[in-house]
Amino acid sequence: MKYSRTWYPLTGAISSKGKVAAKAAKAGPIDPLTGPKLALAGRVVTMDDDFTVRPDSIVYINQGCVVDIRDRANPHPDFNGIPVIETRGTIYPGLIELHNHLSYNALPLWSPVPKLFQFRDQWSAYKDYRPMISGPMTVIGEHLDGDGKPAFLPALVRYVECKCLLGGVTTSQGIRLNSNAGISRFYRGLIRNVEQTDDPALP
């Protein structure tokens, strides 16, 4: 049986003539390559050999690239008039998350861990692995809607990408899913995917 959905979209304010008033236009997404310059202030952990930590610095960004990192007291002359964004956090410019399994980040943490595992092949063979980890992800990866398209993967990808961004991760690796190798095509939005970047600015 094929189920149909009924959508109830939110409407704007009702005018005196009984028509839905037009909504104010929303600002579109900012393209980092063509958008405005950015100045991000916070505690900056640099990628130099000494892993220098600057407690109160500004990261200057232009056209998607880090131009400079300076102490707040020594602003960059080419960024005069650019408002400083107070992140109230720690910035790791240039840091890339090199290994993850992003899709699995929709699952809760395995807690408490039942035992000490000495190497990776042990926990994947443990009795709880199938019902708690691989089983649910297989259902999510293989389930199709009435049109034969993945039902959950688009929402799953956006959810785990948002979790990355909220944790400060903008570039990651590890997007494949055993139950659906085609999940790669959904990682095309919020964060950079170093496995399949389609970005000439990255190697």
N, C-alpha and C. Protein backbone atom coordinates (compact mmCIF):
# COMPACT_ATOMS: atom_id res chain seq x y z
N MET A 1 0.85 -1.19 0.00
CA MET A 1 0.00 0.00 0.00
C MET A 1 0.88 1.25 0.00
N LYS A 2 0.55 2.18 -0.87
CA LYS A 2 1.30 3.41 -0.96
C LYS A 2 0.57 4.51 -0.20
N TYR A 3 1.24 5.10 0.76
CA TYR A 3 0.64 6.15 1.57
C TYR A 3 0.93 7.51 0.97
N SER A 4 -0.03 8.39 1.06
CA SER A 4 0.16 9.75 0.59
C SER A 4 0.28 10.67 1.79
N ARG A 5 0.99 11.75 1.61
CA ARG A 5 1.17 12.71 2.68
C ARG A 5 0.38 13.98 2.40
N THR A 6 -0.13 14.57 3.45
CA THR A 6 -0.81 15.85 3.33
C THR A 6 0.04 16.88 4.05
N TRP A 7 0.42 17.93 3.33
CA TRP A 7 1.27 18.96 3.91
C TRP A 7 0.43 20.16 4.31
N TYR A 8 0.74 20.72 5.46
CA TYR A 8 0.04 21.89 5.96
C TYR A 8 1.05 23.01 6.11
N PRO A 9 1.35 23.73 5.03
CA PRO A 9 2.40 24.76 5.11
C PRO A 9 1.98 25.91 6.01
N LEU A 10 2.97 26.51 6.68
CA LEU A 10 2.71 27.68 7.48
C LEU A 10 2.42 28.87 6.58
N THR A 11 1.48 29.67 6.95
CA THR A 11 1.10 30.81 6.13
C THR A 11 1.56 32.09 6.79
N GLY A 12 1.62 33.16 6.00
CA GLY A 12 1.98 34.46 6.54
C GLY A 12 0.77 35.15 7.16
N ALA A 13 0.96 36.40 7.49
CA ALA A 13 -0.13 37.16 8.09
C ALA A 13 -1.27 37.34 7.07
N ILE A 14 -2.51 37.35 7.55
CA ILE A 14 -3.66 37.52 6.68
C ILE A 14 -3.99 39.00 6.56
N SER A 15 -4.07 39.48 5.32
CA SER A 15 -4.37 40.89 5.09
C SER A 15 -5.86 41.14 5.25
N SER A 16 -6.24 42.39 5.18
CA SER A 16 -7.65 42.76 5.34
C SER A 16 -8.50 42.23 4.20
N LYS A 17 -7.88 41.89 3.07
CA LYS A 17 -8.62 41.36 1.93
C LYS A 17 -8.69 39.83 1.96
N GLY A 18 -8.19 39.24 3.02
CA GLY A 18 -8.29 37.80 3.14
C GLY A 18 -7.19 37.04 2.44
N LYS A 19 -6.21 37.72 1.92
CA LYS A 19 -5.11 37.07 1.22
C LYS A 19 -3.90 36.99 2.13
N VAL A 20 -3.10 36.01 1.89
CA VAL A 20 -1.88 35.85 2.68
C VAL A 20 -0.90 36.93 2.29
N ALA A 21 -0.45 37.69 3.27
CA ALA A 21 0.50 38.77 2.99
C ALA A 21 1.84 38.20 2.60
N ALA A 22 2.52 38.87 1.70
CA ALA A 22 3.83 38.41 1.26
C ALA A 22 4.83 38.48 2.39
N LYS A 23 5.65 37.44 2.48
CA LYS A 23 6.68 37.41 3.51
C LYS A 23 7.87 38.25 3.09
N ALA A 24 8.55 38.79 4.08
CA ALA A 24 9.75 39.56 3.79
C ALA A 24 10.82 38.63 3.23
N ALA A 25 11.53 39.11 2.25
CA ALA A 25 12.57 38.29 1.62
C ALA A 25 13.67 37.98 2.63
N LYS A 26 14.09 36.72 2.66
CA LYS A 26 15.16 36.32 3.56
C LYS A 26 16.50 36.40 2.85
N ALA A 27 17.52 36.70 3.61
CA ALA A 27 18.85 36.74 3.04
C ALA A 27 19.28 35.34 2.63
N GLY A 28 19.90 35.23 1.48
CA GLY A 28 20.34 33.93 0.99
C GLY A 28 21.64 33.51 1.64
N PRO A 29 22.09 32.29 1.32
CA PRO A 29 23.35 31.81 1.90
C PRO A 29 24.54 32.64 1.40
N ILE A 30 25.57 32.70 2.21
CA ILE A 30 26.77 33.45 1.86
C ILE A 30 27.77 32.51 1.21
N ASP A 31 28.20 32.83 0.01
CA ASP A 31 29.23 32.06 -0.67
C ASP A 31 30.58 32.55 -0.15
N PRO A 32 31.36 31.68 0.49
CA PRO A 32 32.64 32.15 1.06
C PRO A 32 33.61 32.65 0.01
N LEU A 33 33.45 32.24 -1.25
CA LEU A 33 34.38 32.67 -2.29
C LEU A 33 34.04 34.03 -2.87
N THR A 34 32.78 34.43 -2.77
CA THR A 34 32.36 35.72 -3.33
C THR A 34 31.74 36.64 -2.28
N GLY A 35 31.58 36.13 -1.07
CA GLY A 35 30.94 36.91 -0.03
C GLY A 35 31.89 37.91 0.61
N PRO A 36 31.44 38.55 1.68
CA PRO A 36 32.24 39.59 2.32
C PRO A 36 33.43 39.01 3.09
N LYS A 37 34.38 39.89 3.40
CA LYS A 37 35.49 39.50 4.26
C LYS A 37 34.96 39.21 5.66
N LEU A 38 35.68 38.34 6.38
CA LEU A 38 35.27 37.98 7.73
C LEU A 38 36.42 38.20 8.70
N ALA A 39 36.07 38.60 9.91
CA ALA A 39 37.05 38.74 10.99
C ALA A 39 36.47 38.04 12.22
N LEU A 40 37.05 36.88 12.56
CA LEU A 40 36.54 36.06 13.65
C LEU A 40 37.45 36.19 14.87
N ALA A 41 36.89 36.61 15.98
CA ALA A 41 37.69 36.82 17.19
C ALA A 41 37.45 35.71 18.19
N GLY A 42 38.51 35.34 18.88
CA GLY A 42 38.40 34.32 19.92
C GLY A 42 39.76 33.83 20.35
N ARG A 43 39.78 32.72 21.04
CA ARG A 43 41.02 32.05 21.41
C ARG A 43 41.45 31.22 20.21
N VAL A 44 42.62 31.49 19.68
CA VAL A 44 43.06 30.87 18.42
C VAL A 44 44.21 29.90 18.69
N VAL A 45 44.02 28.66 18.28
CA VAL A 45 45.07 27.65 18.34
C VAL A 45 45.63 27.50 16.93
N THR A 46 46.87 27.90 16.74
CA THR A 46 47.44 27.91 15.39
C THR A 46 47.99 26.54 15.01
N MET A 47 48.30 26.41 13.76
CA MET A 47 48.83 25.15 13.23
C MET A 47 50.33 25.22 13.00
N ASP A 48 51.03 26.11 13.74
CA ASP A 48 52.48 26.18 13.58
C ASP A 48 53.15 25.03 14.36
N ASP A 49 54.46 24.93 14.25
CA ASP A 49 55.18 23.81 14.86
C ASP A 49 55.06 23.78 16.38
N ASP A 50 54.83 24.95 16.97
CA ASP A 50 54.75 25.03 18.43
C ASP A 50 53.31 24.99 18.95
N PHE A 51 52.33 24.87 18.03
CA PHE A 51 50.91 24.89 18.40
C PHE A 51 50.62 26.09 19.31
N THR A 52 51.04 27.25 18.84
CA THR A 52 50.88 28.48 19.61
C THR A 52 49.41 28.77 19.87
N VAL A 53 49.11 29.11 21.11
CA VAL A 53 47.74 29.48 21.48
C VAL A 53 47.69 30.97 21.73
N ARG A 54 46.84 31.67 21.01
CA ARG A 54 46.67 33.11 21.18
C ARG A 54 45.35 33.36 21.90
N PRO A 55 45.39 33.83 23.12
CA PRO A 55 44.17 33.93 23.94
C PRO A 55 43.14 34.93 23.42
N ASP A 56 43.58 35.97 22.70
CA ASP A 56 42.64 36.98 22.22
C ASP A 56 43.11 37.49 20.86
N SER A 57 42.75 36.77 19.81
CA SER A 57 43.22 37.11 18.47
C SER A 57 42.07 37.12 17.48
N ILE A 58 42.39 37.54 16.27
CA ILE A 58 41.39 37.62 15.20
C ILE A 58 41.91 36.85 13.99
N VAL A 59 41.04 35.99 13.44
CA VAL A 59 41.34 35.27 12.21
C VAL A 59 40.70 36.05 11.06
N TYR A 60 41.51 36.47 10.11
CA TYR A 60 41.03 37.25 8.97
C TYR A 60 40.86 36.34 7.76
N ILE A 61 39.65 36.36 7.17
CA ILE A 61 39.30 35.46 6.07
C ILE A 61 38.82 36.27 4.88
N ASN A 62 39.32 35.90 3.69
CA ASN A 62 38.89 36.55 2.46
C ASN A 62 38.83 35.51 1.35
N GLN A 63 37.72 35.46 0.66
CA GLN A 63 37.50 34.53 -0.44
C GLN A 63 37.78 33.08 -0.03
N GLY A 64 37.29 32.72 1.14
CA GLY A 64 37.39 31.35 1.59
C GLY A 64 38.74 30.93 2.13
N CYS A 65 39.69 31.86 2.24
CA CYS A 65 41.03 31.52 2.71
C CYS A 65 41.41 32.37 3.93
N VAL A 66 42.18 31.75 4.83
CA VAL A 66 42.70 32.49 5.98
C VAL A 66 43.83 33.40 5.49
N VAL A 67 43.63 34.69 5.64
CA VAL A 67 44.61 35.67 5.19
C VAL A 67 45.68 35.90 6.25
N ASP A 68 45.25 36.01 7.51
CA ASP A 68 46.19 36.33 8.58
C ASP A 68 45.55 36.04 9.92
N ILE A 69 46.39 35.89 10.93
CA ILE A 69 45.95 35.76 12.32
C ILE A 69 46.75 36.77 13.12
N ARG A 70 46.05 37.68 13.78
CA ARG A 70 46.72 38.74 14.53
C ARG A 70 46.09 38.93 15.89
N ASP A 71 46.90 39.43 16.82
CA ASP A 71 46.36 39.81 18.11
C ASP A 71 45.35 40.94 17.91
N ARG A 72 44.36 40.99 18.75
CA ARG A 72 43.31 42.00 18.61
C ARG A 72 43.89 43.42 18.61
N ALA A 73 44.95 43.63 19.38
CA ALA A 73 45.54 44.97 19.48
C ALA A 73 46.27 45.39 18.22
N ASN A 74 46.47 44.46 17.28
CA ASN A 74 47.20 44.75 16.05
C ASN A 74 46.35 44.34 14.84
N PRO A 75 45.27 45.08 14.56
CA PRO A 75 44.35 44.68 13.49
C PRO A 75 44.97 44.73 12.10
N HIS A 76 44.41 43.95 11.20
CA HIS A 76 44.89 43.91 9.82
C HIS A 76 44.43 45.16 9.08
N PRO A 77 45.33 45.87 8.41
CA PRO A 77 44.94 47.14 7.77
C PRO A 77 43.96 46.97 6.62
N ASP A 78 43.96 45.79 5.97
CA ASP A 78 43.05 45.59 4.84
C ASP A 78 41.64 45.23 5.27
N PHE A 79 41.42 45.14 6.58
CA PHE A 79 40.09 44.78 7.08
C PHE A 79 39.46 45.91 7.89
N ASN A 80 39.91 47.15 7.64
CA ASN A 80 39.31 48.30 8.30
C ASN A 80 37.83 48.39 7.92
N GLY A 81 36.98 48.56 8.91
CA GLY A 81 35.54 48.66 8.65
C GLY A 81 34.82 47.32 8.63
N ILE A 82 35.55 46.22 8.65
CA ILE A 82 34.92 44.91 8.69
C ILE A 82 34.54 44.60 10.13
N PRO A 83 33.26 44.34 10.42
CA PRO A 83 32.87 44.07 11.80
C PRO A 83 33.50 42.78 12.32
N VAL A 84 33.96 42.82 13.54
CA VAL A 84 34.58 41.65 14.16
C VAL A 84 33.48 40.78 14.78
N ILE A 85 33.48 39.51 14.42
CA ILE A 85 32.50 38.56 14.96
C ILE A 85 33.09 37.90 16.21
N GLU A 86 32.46 38.11 17.34
CA GLU A 86 32.93 37.54 18.59
C GLU A 86 32.41 36.10 18.71
N THR A 87 33.30 35.14 18.52
CA THR A 87 32.87 33.74 18.56
C THR A 87 32.67 33.22 19.98
N ARG A 88 33.35 33.86 20.94
CA ARG A 88 33.32 33.41 22.34
C ARG A 88 33.73 31.94 22.45
N GLY A 89 34.64 31.52 21.57
CA GLY A 89 35.08 30.14 21.57
C GLY A 89 36.52 30.01 21.11
N THR A 90 36.92 28.78 20.85
CA THR A 90 38.27 28.48 20.38
C THR A 90 38.23 28.18 18.90
N ILE A 91 39.13 28.78 18.14
CA ILE A 91 39.20 28.62 16.69
C ILE A 91 40.46 27.85 16.34
N TYR A 92 40.30 26.82 15.51
CA TYR A 92 41.45 26.05 15.01
C TYR A 92 41.53 26.26 13.49
N PRO A 93 42.10 27.37 13.02
CA PRO A 93 42.13 27.62 11.58
C PRO A 93 42.96 26.57 10.85
N GLY A 94 42.38 26.00 9.81
CA GLY A 94 43.09 25.00 9.02
C GLY A 94 42.97 23.58 9.53
N LEU A 95 42.29 23.37 10.65
CA LEU A 95 42.16 22.02 11.20
C LEU A 95 41.13 21.22 10.41
N ILE A 96 41.49 20.00 10.03
CA ILE A 96 40.60 19.11 9.29
C ILE A 96 40.39 17.83 10.11
N GLU A 97 39.15 17.43 10.25
CA GLU A 97 38.85 16.17 10.91
C GLU A 97 39.16 15.04 9.92
N LEU A 98 40.20 14.28 10.20
CA LEU A 98 40.72 13.33 9.21
C LEU A 98 40.05 11.97 9.26
N HIS A 99 39.35 11.64 10.32
CA HIS A 99 38.70 10.33 10.35
C HIS A 99 37.45 10.39 11.22
N ASN A 100 36.34 9.98 10.62
CA ASN A 100 35.08 9.93 11.34
C ASN A 100 34.17 8.96 10.60
N HIS A 101 33.04 8.65 11.19
CA HIS A 101 31.98 7.90 10.51
C HIS A 101 30.72 8.73 10.72
N LEU A 102 30.58 9.75 9.86
CA LEU A 102 29.59 10.79 10.11
C LEU A 102 28.18 10.26 10.25
N SER A 103 27.78 9.35 9.39
CA SER A 103 26.39 8.89 9.39
C SER A 103 26.02 8.22 10.71
N TYR A 104 26.99 7.56 11.34
CA TYR A 104 26.73 6.88 12.60
C TYR A 104 26.56 7.86 13.76
N ASN A 105 26.84 9.13 13.52
CA ASN A 105 26.71 10.13 14.58
C ASN A 105 25.26 10.44 14.90
N ALA A 106 24.33 9.80 14.19
CA ALA A 106 22.92 9.94 14.52
C ALA A 106 22.52 9.00 15.66
N LEU A 107 23.38 8.03 15.95
CA LEU A 107 23.10 7.07 17.02
C LEU A 107 23.56 7.62 18.37
N PRO A 108 22.93 7.18 19.45
CA PRO A 108 23.42 7.60 20.78
C PRO A 108 24.76 6.94 21.09
N LEU A 109 25.49 7.52 22.02
CA LEU A 109 26.75 6.94 22.44
C LEU A 109 26.53 5.56 23.03
N TRP A 110 27.46 4.67 22.79
CA TRP A 110 27.40 3.33 23.36
C TRP A 110 27.86 3.44 24.82
N SER A 111 26.90 3.53 25.69
CA SER A 111 27.23 3.77 27.10
C SER A 111 26.28 2.99 28.00
N PRO A 112 26.81 2.30 29.01
CA PRO A 112 28.26 2.15 29.28
C PRO A 112 28.91 1.13 28.35
N VAL A 113 30.15 1.36 28.02
CA VAL A 113 30.90 0.39 27.21
C VAL A 113 31.08 -0.87 28.05
N PRO A 114 30.71 -2.03 27.54
CA PRO A 114 30.63 -3.23 28.38
C PRO A 114 31.97 -3.80 28.83
N LYS A 115 33.04 -3.52 28.09
CA LYS A 115 34.34 -4.10 28.43
C LYS A 115 35.43 -3.31 27.74
N LEU A 116 36.66 -3.61 28.09
CA LEU A 116 37.81 -2.99 27.44
C LEU A 116 38.14 -3.77 26.18
N PHE A 117 38.12 -3.09 25.04
CA PHE A 117 38.47 -3.73 23.78
C PHE A 117 39.91 -3.37 23.44
N GLN A 118 40.69 -4.37 23.05
CA GLN A 118 42.11 -4.17 22.78
C GLN A 118 42.36 -3.66 21.36
N PHE A 119 41.48 -3.98 20.40
CA PHE A 119 41.64 -3.50 19.03
C PHE A 119 40.27 -3.48 18.36
N ARG A 120 40.17 -2.83 17.22
CA ARG A 120 38.90 -2.50 16.60
C ARG A 120 38.05 -3.69 16.19
N ASP A 121 38.68 -4.82 15.83
CA ASP A 121 37.90 -5.97 15.38
C ASP A 121 37.16 -6.66 16.53
N GLN A 122 37.51 -6.33 17.76
CA GLN A 122 36.84 -6.95 18.89
C GLN A 122 35.45 -6.36 19.12
N TRP A 123 35.36 -5.03 19.14
CA TRP A 123 34.06 -4.45 19.45
C TRP A 123 33.03 -4.69 18.34
N SER A 124 33.48 -4.78 17.08
CA SER A 124 32.53 -5.01 15.99
C SER A 124 31.98 -6.43 15.99
N ALA A 125 32.65 -7.34 16.72
CA ALA A 125 32.17 -8.72 16.84
C ALA A 125 31.40 -8.95 18.14
N TYR A 126 31.29 -7.91 18.97
CA TYR A 126 30.59 -8.06 20.23
C TYR A 126 29.09 -8.21 20.00
N LYS A 127 28.40 -8.90 20.91
CA LYS A 127 26.99 -9.25 20.71
C LYS A 127 26.07 -8.04 20.59
N ASP A 128 26.43 -6.90 21.19
CA ASP A 128 25.57 -5.72 21.13
C ASP A 128 25.75 -4.90 19.86
N TYR A 129 26.77 -5.22 19.08
CA TYR A 129 27.08 -4.38 17.92
C TYR A 129 25.95 -4.42 16.88
N ARG A 130 25.45 -5.59 16.58
CA ARG A 130 24.39 -5.70 15.57
C ARG A 130 23.11 -4.99 15.98
N PRO A 131 22.54 -5.27 17.17
CA PRO A 131 21.27 -4.61 17.50
C PRO A 131 21.38 -3.12 17.79
N MET A 132 22.56 -2.66 18.21
CA MET A 132 22.67 -1.26 18.62
C MET A 132 23.32 -0.36 17.57
N ILE A 133 24.10 -0.93 16.65
CA ILE A 133 24.86 -0.08 15.73
C ILE A 133 24.60 -0.46 14.27
N SER A 134 25.09 -1.61 13.84
CA SER A 134 24.98 -1.93 12.42
C SER A 134 23.54 -2.20 12.00
N GLY A 135 22.73 -2.78 12.88
CA GLY A 135 21.34 -3.05 12.54
C GLY A 135 20.54 -1.78 12.26
N PRO A 136 20.51 -0.83 13.20
CA PRO A 136 19.77 0.41 12.93
C PRO A 136 20.28 1.16 11.69
N MET A 137 21.61 1.17 11.49
CA MET A 137 22.13 1.89 10.33
C MET A 137 21.79 1.18 9.03
N THR A 138 21.66 -0.14 9.07
CA THR A 138 21.23 -0.87 7.87
C THR A 138 19.80 -0.50 7.50
N VAL A 139 18.92 -0.41 8.50
CA VAL A 139 17.53 -0.01 8.24
C VAL A 139 17.48 1.39 7.65
N ILE A 140 18.22 2.31 8.24
CA ILE A 140 18.23 3.69 7.74
C ILE A 140 18.78 3.76 6.32
N GLY A 141 19.85 3.02 6.05
CA GLY A 141 20.48 3.08 4.74
C GLY A 141 19.68 2.43 3.64
N GLU A 142 18.92 1.38 3.96
CA GLU A 142 18.24 0.61 2.92
C GLU A 142 16.77 0.98 2.73
N HIS A 143 16.18 1.68 3.70
CA HIS A 143 14.75 1.98 3.63
C HIS A 143 14.45 2.97 2.50
N LEU A 144 13.46 2.65 1.68
CA LEU A 144 13.07 3.48 0.54
C LEU A 144 11.65 4.00 0.72
N ASP A 145 11.37 5.14 0.10
CA ASP A 145 10.02 5.67 0.15
C ASP A 145 9.18 5.06 -0.96
N GLY A 146 7.97 5.55 -1.14
CA GLY A 146 7.07 5.00 -2.14
C GLY A 146 7.55 5.13 -3.56
N ASP A 147 8.48 6.05 -3.80
CA ASP A 147 9.02 6.25 -5.15
C ASP A 147 10.34 5.50 -5.35
N GLY A 148 10.72 4.69 -4.37
CA GLY A 148 11.95 3.93 -4.50
C GLY A 148 13.21 4.72 -4.22
N LYS A 149 13.06 5.86 -3.55
CA LYS A 149 14.22 6.69 -3.21
C LYS A 149 14.54 6.57 -1.72
N PRO A 150 15.80 6.81 -1.34
CA PRO A 150 16.15 6.74 0.08
C PRO A 150 15.27 7.67 0.92
N ALA A 151 14.63 7.10 1.93
CA ALA A 151 13.67 7.87 2.71
C ALA A 151 14.31 8.71 3.81
N PHE A 152 15.39 8.19 4.40
CA PHE A 152 15.95 8.83 5.58
C PHE A 152 17.30 9.51 5.34
N LEU A 153 18.00 9.13 4.28
CA LEU A 153 19.38 9.58 4.13
C LEU A 153 19.54 11.09 4.01
N PRO A 154 18.71 11.79 3.24
CA PRO A 154 18.90 13.26 3.17
C PRO A 154 18.81 13.92 4.54
N ALA A 155 17.81 13.55 5.34
CA ALA A 155 17.67 14.14 6.68
C ALA A 155 18.81 13.71 7.59
N LEU A 156 19.24 12.45 7.47
CA LEU A 156 20.35 11.96 8.28
C LEU A 156 21.61 12.76 8.03
N VAL A 157 21.91 12.99 6.75
CA VAL A 157 23.13 13.70 6.39
C VAL A 157 23.10 15.12 6.92
N ARG A 158 22.00 15.82 6.74
CA ARG A 158 21.92 17.20 7.22
C ARG A 158 22.05 17.25 8.74
N TYR A 159 21.48 16.28 9.41
CA TYR A 159 21.56 16.24 10.88
C TYR A 159 22.99 16.08 11.36
N VAL A 160 23.71 15.11 10.81
CA VAL A 160 25.08 14.88 11.29
C VAL A 160 26.01 16.01 10.84
N GLU A 161 25.71 16.63 9.69
CA GLU A 161 26.52 17.78 9.29
C GLU A 161 26.32 18.95 10.25
N CYS A 162 25.09 19.16 10.70
CA CYS A 162 24.83 20.22 11.67
C CYS A 162 25.57 19.95 12.97
N LYS A 163 25.62 18.68 13.39
CA LYS A 163 26.35 18.35 14.61
C LYS A 163 27.83 18.66 14.44
N CYS A 164 28.36 18.41 13.25
CA CYS A 164 29.76 18.76 12.99
C CYS A 164 29.98 20.26 13.14
N LEU A 165 29.12 21.05 12.50
CA LEU A 165 29.29 22.50 12.53
C LEU A 165 29.17 23.04 13.95
N LEU A 166 28.23 22.52 14.72
CA LEU A 166 28.07 22.99 16.09
C LEU A 166 29.27 22.62 16.95
N GLY A 167 29.99 21.58 16.55
CA GLY A 167 31.20 21.20 17.26
C GLY A 167 32.45 21.86 16.70
N GLY A 168 32.29 22.72 15.70
CA GLY A 168 33.43 23.44 15.13
C GLY A 168 34.10 22.75 13.97
N VAL A 169 33.51 21.67 13.44
CA VAL A 169 34.12 20.94 12.32
C VAL A 169 33.52 21.45 11.02
N THR A 170 34.35 21.91 10.10
CA THR A 170 33.88 22.38 8.80
C THR A 170 34.35 21.49 7.65
N THR A 171 35.33 20.63 7.90
CA THR A 171 35.85 19.71 6.89
C THR A 171 36.06 18.35 7.53
N SER A 172 35.54 17.30 6.90
CA SER A 172 35.64 15.99 7.53
C SER A 172 35.84 14.91 6.49
N GLN A 173 36.01 13.68 6.98
CA GLN A 173 36.22 12.51 6.15
C GLN A 173 35.56 11.33 6.82
N GLY A 174 34.97 10.44 6.03
CA GLY A 174 34.34 9.25 6.58
C GLY A 174 32.85 9.24 6.35
N ILE A 175 32.43 9.31 5.09
CA ILE A 175 31.00 9.47 4.79
C ILE A 175 30.34 8.20 4.29
N ARG A 176 31.11 7.16 4.03
CA ARG A 176 30.53 5.95 3.47
C ARG A 176 29.69 5.21 4.50
N LEU A 177 28.71 4.46 4.00
CA LEU A 177 27.83 3.66 4.84
C LEU A 177 27.74 2.29 4.21
N ASN A 178 28.01 1.24 4.98
CA ASN A 178 28.05 -0.11 4.42
C ASN A 178 26.74 -0.49 3.74
N SER A 179 25.62 -0.08 4.30
CA SER A 179 24.32 -0.48 3.76
C SER A 179 23.89 0.36 2.56
N ASN A 180 24.60 1.45 2.29
CA ASN A 180 24.24 2.28 1.14
C ASN A 180 25.44 3.13 0.74
N ALA A 181 26.22 2.59 -0.20
CA ALA A 181 27.41 3.32 -0.65
C ALA A 181 27.04 4.62 -1.36
N GLY A 182 25.81 4.71 -1.86
CA GLY A 182 25.38 5.91 -2.57
C GLY A 182 25.13 7.09 -1.67
N ILE A 183 25.32 6.93 -0.37
CA ILE A 183 25.11 8.05 0.55
C ILE A 183 26.06 9.20 0.26
N SER A 184 27.17 8.91 -0.43
CA SER A 184 28.16 9.95 -0.72
C SER A 184 27.55 11.13 -1.44
N ARG A 185 26.58 10.88 -2.30
CA ARG A 185 26.03 11.98 -3.10
C ARG A 185 25.21 12.96 -2.28
N PHE A 186 24.85 12.58 -1.07
CA PHE A 186 24.08 13.49 -0.22
C PHE A 186 24.97 14.46 0.54
N TYR A 187 26.25 14.16 0.64
CA TYR A 187 27.17 15.06 1.34
C TYR A 187 27.65 16.13 0.37
N ARG A 188 26.80 17.12 0.15
CA ARG A 188 27.09 18.15 -0.84
C ARG A 188 26.72 19.54 -0.33
N GLY A 189 26.62 19.69 1.00
CA GLY A 189 26.08 20.95 1.44
C GLY A 189 26.83 21.68 2.53
N LEU A 190 26.65 21.26 3.77
CA LEU A 190 27.04 22.10 4.89
C LEU A 190 28.52 22.07 5.20
N ILE A 191 29.17 20.91 5.07
CA ILE A 191 30.59 20.81 5.38
C ILE A 191 31.35 20.28 4.17
N ARG A 192 32.65 20.56 4.15
CA ARG A 192 33.48 20.03 3.08
C ARG A 192 33.77 18.55 3.33
N ASN A 193 33.73 17.79 2.26
CA ASN A 193 34.02 16.37 2.32
C ASN A 193 35.32 16.13 1.57
N VAL A 194 36.39 15.79 2.30
CA VAL A 194 37.69 15.66 1.66
C VAL A 194 37.80 14.41 0.80
N GLU A 195 36.84 13.48 0.92
CA GLU A 195 36.86 12.31 0.05
C GLU A 195 36.36 12.63 -1.36
N GLN A 196 35.47 13.60 -1.44
CA GLN A 196 34.82 13.90 -2.71
C GLN A 196 34.46 15.38 -2.72
N THR A 197 35.49 16.20 -2.82
CA THR A 197 35.30 17.63 -2.57
C THR A 197 34.63 18.37 -3.71
N ASP A 198 34.96 18.02 -4.96
CA ASP A 198 34.53 18.81 -6.11
C ASP A 198 34.92 20.28 -5.93
N ASP A 199 36.03 20.49 -5.23
CA ASP A 199 36.49 21.84 -4.90
C ASP A 199 37.91 22.01 -5.42
N PRO A 200 38.10 22.80 -6.48
CA PRO A 200 39.44 22.96 -7.04
C PRO A 200 40.43 23.63 -6.08
N ALA A 201 39.92 24.26 -5.02
CA ALA A 201 40.82 24.93 -4.08
C ALA A 201 41.44 23.93 -3.11
N LEU A 202 40.92 22.71 -3.09
CA LEU A 202 41.49 21.69 -2.21
C LEU A 202 42.26 20.66 -3.05
N PRO A 203 43.33 20.09 -2.51
CA PRO A 203 44.09 19.09 -3.26
C PRO A 203 43.33 17.80 -3.43
